[in-house]
Each structure stands twice: as C-alpha cells, then as structure tokens.
C-alpha cells in the first residue's frame, strides 16, 4: 500500500496546479480514447496502473478492457448520467465501448486499473464454461460488428478470497515478470468463478439490472412450474445461495418466493373452481398441494370462505377474485 500511495510525477504536476489531464500520456487521438499501446509493454496482455488522483478525469473510452479494483478509500465514476461511488474492495468491469469519467480522488483513495487486451480473457472465459453474466460481458468484448457498452459493478467489501487474488496479481504485474501472465489469467478466472458463485454482490449491470433479470426469470419460472416450483432450483440455475436469492426477491418485489408461489397457485385454483366441476381436493393436488387440509386452511384465510362456498358464489357470473 505504501508503494501504491506514492505520488507520481503526473500527480505532482496536478498538485502543483496543472489545470488539465496530461492527455499525451494516454492518447494520440483528438477524441479522448485511452490507447493500450501507450500503457502496455510490448507482447504483454495486461498491466496495472494506479488511478491518477488530484484531478477530475474527463469522459473517455479505452481500446482495451478495464477492471478497477479499489484497494483503499473511494473512487466515483460517472457513466450515462449515473454516479457510481466505489469503496474498498469493490470491482468495476468496463468493456472498450463504455464512455465514463472519474471524479477527483485524494491521497488516501487508491484505485488500481487493470488494463487488459481482450485476448487476456481467453483462459478466464474457458474457466467459466456455462453462460452467465460475466461470460456475457467477456463475449461482448469480442463483438466488433455490433459493439455494446457494458459494465458490471460488484460490491465486494471485505472478501478475503478476492482481496488475496487481486493483490497477488497487482504485485506480479508491477514486478513485471512476463512469465506470470498465464498465472494471472488463471487468477483472474478464479476471481470470476468466485463472483458468479456470489452474484448477490453484483449491484449494477449496465445492460440490465442483474437483480431484475433474476426476479423476472423467477416469476416466469413460477408461472410455468407452479405445481412443483422450488426456490433451490432457481438458486442453482443462477449460482446463488437460497438465502441470497430469497433476500433478492423480497427486496425487489416486497414479497417472498413462497408468497409469490402461493398467489399463483390460488389464482389457478379459483379458475378451476369457477370453470370446471373438479372436486376441490383434486384441484388442490393439481395446483401443487399434497396437504389438502393446508390448502383448505389457506383458501379460507385468503378468500374468507371455503372452496365450495367460493364456487357457489362465483359459478353463475363467472367472476374470479384473484
């Protein structure tokens, strides 16, 4: 940390009153696109650079993939009119199509930029195997015909497993041993594997809020498989723990998974009551309740009458109270 906190000549110039970012360090173009060729050593796929402090960094793009990891303090990005303030342990992945700026950081604010060519992620992508939000992000970095701006923000906090991997990569890259590039690729792959097992840390996915994606998929799953729907199945599909998924659904919708499932089952039950002559016991089984007495008890609590009374009250007019 002492090494990372050292004030660079560039930063000293800002402290001495230089009024603008030294663009010639980063680009040779009129448009502010930071060029990997000016930052990467020859034949290297990745490098790291401490984010320049003491000045507002203006909106820019990169021709590489950037991953910022905050070692200490806080760093605030602004993207598409949103301010994203990162704190210690947070990680932001930006593909080469994202245009963003960074608010002034002070001495204690240490953000490390991983500057990587898309080819660096060949091995991490192979390690991910199944389709997931990070694999989608990496595949987008290779999409040249229809480029899409895409970023992911993970709120990791004090996650020692991630911290150790990131610090090992930072040290390895700063020490400049080209022979460790492949080790760093596997280390980055391990970071990604950890992240997809703990997707509750994903706060923002620029293509769509990941939490919204999960909840929408869960609601669709309940609509289709309400007879046998199981929270554990959805959690497994999204590489989430049951508790994390349960909390996500409740926070996003105000209701638990079981409450959504029960609502769907009783919607189907009253349709059967009004539109068919099936006995209530059979309807209970058809909508997923093997415990018939539980079905009757919950029905009475929800509608204030028994299934038979409901059928008599609504059969003639065909009205259904959801």
Protein backbone atom coordinates (compact mmCIF):
# COMPACT_ATOMS: atom_id res chain seq x y z
CA UNK A 1 0.00 0.00 0.00
CA UNK A 2 2.90 2.34 0.73
CA UNK A 3 4.19 1.77 -2.80
CA UNK A 4 0.75 2.34 -4.33
CA UNK A 5 0.27 5.58 -2.39
CA UNK A 6 3.44 7.17 -3.76
CA UNK A 7 2.69 10.37 -5.67
CA UNK A 8 3.67 10.01 -9.33
CA UNK A 9 5.23 12.83 -11.40
CA UNK A 10 1.90 13.16 -13.20
CA UNK A 11 0.04 13.56 -9.92
CA UNK A 12 2.62 16.01 -8.60
CA UNK A 13 2.01 18.19 -11.64
CA UNK A 14 -1.70 18.25 -10.78
CA UNK A 15 -0.90 19.18 -7.19
CA UNK A 16 1.38 21.95 -8.49
CA UNK A 17 -1.50 23.49 -10.40
CA UNK A 18 -1.58 21.83 -13.81
CA UNK A 19 -5.11 22.54 -14.95
CA UNK A 20 -5.84 19.56 -17.18
CA UNK A 21 -5.19 15.85 -17.52
CA UNK A 22 -1.96 15.15 -19.40
CA UNK A 23 -3.61 13.63 -22.45
CA UNK A 24 -0.36 12.78 -24.22
CA UNK A 25 0.27 10.10 -21.58
CA UNK A 26 -2.90 8.33 -22.61
CA UNK A 27 -3.75 9.03 -26.25
CA UNK A 28 -2.54 10.37 -29.60
CA UNK A 29 -6.08 10.96 -30.87
CA UNK A 30 -8.20 14.09 -30.72
CA UNK A 31 -11.03 12.07 -29.23
CA UNK A 32 -10.14 11.01 -25.70
CA UNK A 33 -9.67 7.27 -26.24
CA UNK A 34 -7.00 5.84 -23.99
CA UNK A 35 -4.63 3.70 -26.04
CA UNK A 36 -3.37 0.39 -24.65
CA UNK A 37 -0.31 0.76 -26.90
CA UNK A 38 0.88 3.68 -24.74
CA UNK A 39 0.42 1.80 -21.48
CA UNK A 40 1.20 -1.87 -22.20
CA UNK A 41 4.70 -3.18 -22.64
CA UNK A 42 5.37 -4.99 -25.91
CA UNK A 43 3.97 -8.54 -26.04
CA UNK A 44 2.10 -8.10 -22.75
CA UNK A 45 -1.62 -8.72 -22.47
CA UNK A 46 -2.16 -6.91 -19.18
CA UNK A 47 -0.72 -4.21 -16.95
CA UNK A 48 -1.87 -2.32 -13.86
CA UNK A 49 -1.83 1.39 -13.16
CA UNK A 50 -2.84 3.33 -10.08
CA UNK A 51 -5.68 5.70 -10.92
CA UNK A 52 -4.39 9.27 -11.19
CA UNK A 53 -5.51 11.36 -8.22
CA UNK A 54 -5.89 15.10 -7.53
CA UNK A 55 -7.84 15.90 -10.70
CA UNK A 56 -11.22 15.20 -12.30
CA UNK A 57 -10.58 12.68 -15.07
CA UNK A 58 -12.76 13.73 -18.05
CA UNK A 59 -15.09 11.41 -20.01
CA UNK A 60 -13.14 8.94 -22.13
CA UNK A 61 -13.15 5.47 -23.66
CA UNK A 62 -10.45 2.79 -23.90
CA UNK A 63 -9.41 0.44 -26.67
CA UNK A 64 -8.95 -2.29 -24.06
CA UNK A 65 -10.84 -3.86 -21.14
CA UNK A 66 -10.52 -2.03 -17.84
CA UNK A 67 -11.10 -3.51 -14.41
CA UNK A 68 -10.86 -1.11 -11.49
CA UNK A 69 -10.30 -2.53 -8.03
CA UNK A 70 -10.41 -0.17 -5.04
CA UNK A 71 -7.71 -1.00 -2.52
CA UNK A 72 -8.48 1.88 -0.17
CA UNK A 73 -10.79 4.87 0.16
CA UNK A 74 -13.32 5.56 -2.57
CA UNK A 75 -13.47 6.31 -6.30
CA UNK A 76 -16.50 7.87 -8.03
CA UNK A 77 -17.23 7.17 -11.71
CA UNK A 78 -19.96 8.79 -13.76
CA UNK A 79 -21.46 6.77 -16.61
CA UNK A 80 -24.62 7.54 -18.60
CA UNK A 81 -25.62 10.25 -16.15
CA UNK A 82 -25.18 7.96 -13.12
CA UNK A 83 -22.63 8.39 -10.33
CA UNK A 84 -21.17 5.10 -9.10
CA UNK A 85 -19.10 5.51 -5.94
CA UNK A 86 -16.81 2.55 -5.32
CA UNK A 87 -15.48 1.73 -1.88
CA UNK A 88 -12.68 -0.51 -0.63
CA UNK A 89 -12.95 -3.99 -2.12
CA UNK A 90 -15.36 -3.01 -4.91
CA UNK A 91 -14.68 -4.03 -8.52
CA UNK A 92 -15.85 -2.38 -11.75
CA UNK A 93 -15.54 -4.11 -15.12
CA UNK A 94 -15.76 -1.87 -18.20
CA UNK A 95 -15.61 -3.01 -21.80
CA UNK A 96 -13.95 -0.92 -24.50
CA UNK A 97 -17.22 0.74 -25.54
CA UNK A 98 -18.04 2.40 -22.20
CA UNK A 99 -17.59 6.17 -22.02
CA UNK A 100 -17.03 7.30 -18.44
CA UNK A 101 -15.36 9.95 -16.29
CA UNK A 102 -13.94 9.86 -12.78
CA UNK A 103 -14.31 12.43 -10.01
CA UNK A 104 -11.21 13.80 -8.28
CA UNK A 105 -9.63 11.27 -5.93
CA UNK A 106 -7.49 12.27 -2.95
CA UNK A 107 -4.28 10.86 -1.44
CA UNK A 108 -5.98 8.07 0.53
CA UNK A 109 -8.10 6.95 -2.45
CA UNK A 110 -6.28 4.07 -4.14
CA UNK A 111 -7.91 2.55 -7.20
CA UNK A 112 -6.00 0.09 -9.35
CA UNK A 113 -6.78 -0.09 -13.06
CA UNK A 114 -6.18 -3.45 -14.71
CA UNK A 115 -5.55 -2.66 -18.38
CA UNK A 116 -6.07 -5.81 -20.43
CA UNK A 117 -6.45 -6.75 -24.08
CA UNK A 118 -9.47 -8.95 -24.88
CA UNK A 119 -7.11 -11.87 -25.57
CA UNK A 120 -6.11 -11.90 -21.88
CA UNK A 121 -9.58 -13.24 -21.08
CA UNK A 122 -9.36 -16.35 -23.27
CA UNK A 123 -8.44 -18.55 -20.30
CA UNK A 124 -10.87 -16.94 -17.79
CA UNK A 125 -13.67 -17.39 -20.34
CA UNK A 126 -12.80 -21.08 -20.75
CA UNK A 127 -12.86 -21.48 -16.96
CA UNK A 128 -16.38 -20.02 -16.73
CA UNK A 129 -17.82 -22.64 -19.13
CA UNK A 130 -21.54 -22.02 -18.53
CA UNK A 131 -23.39 -18.94 -19.70
CA UNK A 132 -23.60 -16.27 -17.01
CA UNK A 133 -23.42 -12.51 -16.67
CA UNK A 134 -19.60 -12.39 -16.63
CA UNK A 135 -19.26 -14.72 -19.62
CA UNK A 136 -21.73 -12.48 -21.47
CA UNK A 137 -19.63 -9.45 -20.57
CA UNK A 138 -16.44 -11.10 -21.85
CA UNK A 139 -18.07 -12.28 -25.08
CA UNK A 140 -19.25 -8.72 -25.72
CA UNK A 141 -15.62 -7.56 -25.67
CA UNK A 142 -15.04 -9.62 -28.83
CA UNK A 143 -18.13 -8.27 -30.59
CA UNK A 144 -16.94 -5.85 -33.26
CA UNK A 145 -19.90 -5.75 -35.66
CA UNK A 146 -22.45 -4.64 -33.05
CA UNK A 147 -20.49 -3.13 -30.14
CA UNK A 148 -22.42 -2.62 -26.91
CA UNK A 149 -21.38 -0.50 -23.94
CA UNK A 150 -21.34 -2.85 -20.96
CA UNK A 151 -20.12 -2.59 -17.39
CA UNK A 152 -20.54 -4.56 -14.16
CA UNK A 153 -20.14 -3.20 -10.63
CA UNK A 154 -19.57 -5.66 -7.79
CA UNK A 155 -19.89 -4.50 -4.16
CA UNK A 156 -17.46 -6.93 -2.57
CA UNK A 157 -16.45 -5.26 0.69
CA UNK A 158 -14.12 -7.35 2.84
CA UNK A 159 -13.89 -10.52 0.76
CA UNK A 160 -10.51 -12.04 1.63
CA UNK A 161 -10.51 -14.57 -1.20
CA UNK A 162 -10.90 -11.79 -3.80
CA UNK A 163 -8.52 -9.46 -1.96
CA UNK A 164 -5.74 -12.06 -1.94
CA UNK A 165 -6.14 -12.88 -5.63
CA UNK A 166 -6.23 -9.22 -6.66
CA UNK A 167 -3.20 -8.30 -4.53
CA UNK A 168 -1.23 -11.24 -5.94
CA UNK A 169 -1.99 -10.12 -9.49
CA UNK A 170 -1.12 -6.48 -8.73
CA UNK A 171 2.22 -7.47 -7.21
CA UNK A 172 3.03 -9.89 -10.04
CA UNK A 173 2.24 -7.35 -12.78
CA UNK A 174 4.05 -4.45 -11.07
CA UNK A 175 7.15 -6.61 -10.70
CA UNK A 176 6.94 -7.14 -14.45
CA UNK A 177 7.52 -10.85 -14.90
CA UNK A 178 6.11 -11.77 -18.37
CA UNK A 179 6.27 -15.45 -17.44
CA UNK A 180 3.48 -14.94 -14.94
CA UNK A 181 0.93 -13.66 -17.47
CA UNK A 182 -0.66 -17.11 -17.75
CA UNK A 183 -0.76 -17.43 -13.95
CA UNK A 184 -2.55 -14.09 -13.81
CA UNK A 185 -5.05 -15.31 -16.42
CA UNK A 186 -5.92 -18.26 -14.19
CA UNK A 187 -6.03 -15.98 -11.14
CA UNK A 188 -8.48 -13.71 -12.93
CA UNK A 189 -10.52 -16.77 -13.87
CA UNK A 190 -10.67 -17.72 -10.17
CA UNK A 191 -11.88 -14.21 -9.36
CA UNK A 192 -14.67 -14.57 -11.93
CA UNK A 193 -15.62 -18.02 -10.64
CA UNK A 194 -15.94 -16.57 -7.15
CA UNK A 195 -18.08 -13.71 -8.43
CA UNK A 196 -20.58 -15.95 -10.23
CA UNK A 197 -20.98 -18.01 -7.06
CA UNK A 198 -21.80 -14.82 -5.17
CA UNK A 199 -23.91 -12.83 -7.61
CA UNK A 200 -25.63 -11.09 -4.73
CA UNK A 201 -22.60 -8.75 -4.81
CA UNK A 202 -23.49 -7.53 -8.32
CA UNK A 203 -25.03 -4.10 -7.82
CA UNK A 204 -25.19 -2.88 -11.39
CA UNK A 205 -25.20 -4.45 -14.83
CA UNK A 206 -25.43 -1.73 -17.47
CA UNK A 207 -27.24 -3.96 -19.96
CA UNK A 208 -29.93 -4.61 -17.36
CA UNK A 209 -30.00 -4.70 -13.58
CA UNK A 210 -28.97 -8.26 -12.79
CA UNK A 211 -31.33 -8.42 -9.83
CA UNK A 212 -34.22 -7.53 -12.15
CA UNK A 213 -33.13 -10.30 -14.55
CA UNK A 214 -33.13 -12.85 -11.73
CA UNK A 215 -36.51 -11.77 -10.37
CA UNK A 216 -38.13 -11.72 -13.82
CA UNK A 217 -36.80 -15.21 -14.53
CA UNK A 218 -38.08 -16.40 -11.13
CA UNK A 219 -41.56 -15.03 -11.82
CA UNK A 220 -41.61 -16.72 -15.23
CA UNK A 221 -40.47 -19.96 -13.60
CA UNK A 222 -43.33 -19.75 -11.06
CA UNK A 223 -45.85 -19.07 -13.84
CA UNK A 224 -44.76 -22.17 -15.73
CA UNK A 225 -43.83 -24.62 -12.96
CA UNK A 226 -46.10 -23.51 -10.11
CA UNK A 227 -47.07 -27.12 -9.32
CA UNK A 228 -43.51 -28.14 -8.44
CA UNK A 229 -41.63 -24.81 -8.22
CA UNK A 230 -38.69 -24.87 -5.84
CA UNK A 231 -36.54 -21.94 -4.72
CA UNK A 232 -33.45 -24.13 -4.61
CA UNK A 233 -33.77 -24.93 -8.33
CA UNK A 234 -33.75 -21.24 -9.28
CA UNK A 235 -30.86 -20.53 -6.90
CA UNK A 236 -28.85 -23.33 -8.52
CA UNK A 237 -29.57 -22.00 -12.01
CA UNK A 238 -28.23 -18.56 -11.09
CA UNK A 239 -25.33 -19.78 -8.93
CA UNK A 240 -26.87 -18.09 -5.89
CA UNK A 241 -27.41 -19.36 -2.38
CA UNK A 242 -31.04 -19.92 -1.41
CA UNK A 243 -30.81 -17.21 1.27
CA UNK A 244 -29.29 -14.69 -1.16
CA UNK A 245 -31.96 -15.35 -3.79
CA UNK A 246 -34.74 -15.20 -1.21
CA UNK A 247 -33.50 -11.83 0.05
CA UNK A 248 -33.16 -10.52 -3.51
CA UNK A 249 -36.75 -11.46 -4.42
CA UNK A 250 -38.13 -9.91 -1.22
CA UNK A 251 -36.12 -6.68 -1.69
CA UNK A 252 -37.09 -6.31 -5.35
CA UNK A 253 -40.79 -7.20 -5.09
CA UNK A 254 -41.81 -6.83 -1.45
CA UNK A 255 -42.90 -10.49 -1.30
CA UNK A 256 -41.11 -13.76 -0.64
CA UNK A 257 -40.77 -16.59 -3.15
CA UNK A 258 -43.35 -18.63 -1.19
CA UNK A 259 -45.81 -15.73 -1.20
CA UNK A 260 -45.49 -15.37 -4.99
CA UNK A 261 -45.86 -19.14 -5.41
CA UNK A 262 -48.93 -19.32 -3.17
CA UNK A 263 -50.55 -16.41 -5.01
CA UNK A 264 -50.03 -18.17 -8.36
CA UNK A 265 -51.37 -21.49 -7.07
CA UNK A 266 -54.54 -19.93 -5.71
CA UNK A 267 -55.05 -17.98 -8.92
CA UNK A 268 -55.13 -21.33 -10.70
CA UNK A 269 -57.30 -22.91 -8.00
CA UNK A 270 -60.11 -20.35 -8.29
CA UNK A 271 -60.06 -20.66 -12.09
CA UNK A 272 -60.57 -24.42 -11.71
CA UNK A 273 -63.39 -23.81 -9.22
CA UNK A 274 -65.29 -21.44 -11.50
CA UNK A 275 -64.58 -23.00 -14.89
CA UNK A 276 -64.63 -26.75 -14.10
CA UNK A 277 -66.51 -29.28 -12.00
CA UNK A 278 -63.34 -30.79 -10.49
CA UNK A 279 -63.60 -31.60 -6.76
CA UNK A 280 -61.72 -29.20 -4.51
CA UNK A 281 -59.41 -31.98 -3.27
CA UNK A 282 -58.35 -32.73 -6.85
CA UNK A 283 -57.86 -29.04 -7.57
CA UNK A 284 -55.59 -28.79 -4.55
CA UNK A 285 -53.36 -31.54 -5.92
CA UNK A 286 -53.43 -30.06 -9.44
CA UNK A 287 -52.05 -26.73 -8.20
CA UNK A 288 -49.32 -28.32 -6.11
CA UNK A 289 -50.74 -29.02 -2.66
CA UNK A 290 -50.50 -32.62 -1.44
CA UNK A 291 -51.58 -31.48 2.03
CA UNK A 292 -55.30 -30.98 1.43
CA UNK A 293 -56.06 -29.58 4.88
CA UNK A 294 -53.36 -26.94 4.40
CA UNK A 295 -54.95 -25.96 1.08
CA UNK A 296 -58.40 -25.58 2.69
CA UNK A 297 -56.99 -23.58 5.60
CA UNK A 298 -55.07 -21.19 3.36
CA UNK A 299 -58.01 -20.82 0.97
CA UNK A 300 -60.36 -19.85 3.82
CA UNK A 301 -57.80 -17.38 5.16
CA UNK A 302 -57.30 -15.80 1.73
CA UNK A 303 -60.92 -15.61 0.49
CA UNK A 304 -62.98 -15.72 3.69
CA UNK A 305 -64.91 -18.78 2.53
CA UNK A 306 -64.40 -22.43 1.67
CA UNK A 307 -63.67 -23.59 -1.91
CA UNK A 308 -67.27 -24.92 -2.16
CA UNK A 309 -68.72 -21.59 -0.99
CA UNK A 310 -66.46 -19.76 -3.47
CA UNK A 311 -67.67 -21.98 -6.32
CA UNK A 312 -71.34 -21.37 -5.45
CA UNK A 313 -70.78 -17.60 -5.11
CA UNK A 314 -68.94 -17.14 -8.40
CA UNK A 315 -70.08 -20.00 -10.66
CA UNK A 316 -73.05 -18.25 -12.22
CA UNK A 317 -71.45 -14.90 -13.04
CA UNK A 318 -68.07 -16.44 -13.83
CA UNK A 319 -66.24 -13.78 -11.81
CA UNK A 320 -62.89 -14.69 -10.35
CA UNK A 321 -61.33 -12.86 -7.42
CA UNK A 322 -57.56 -13.18 -7.66
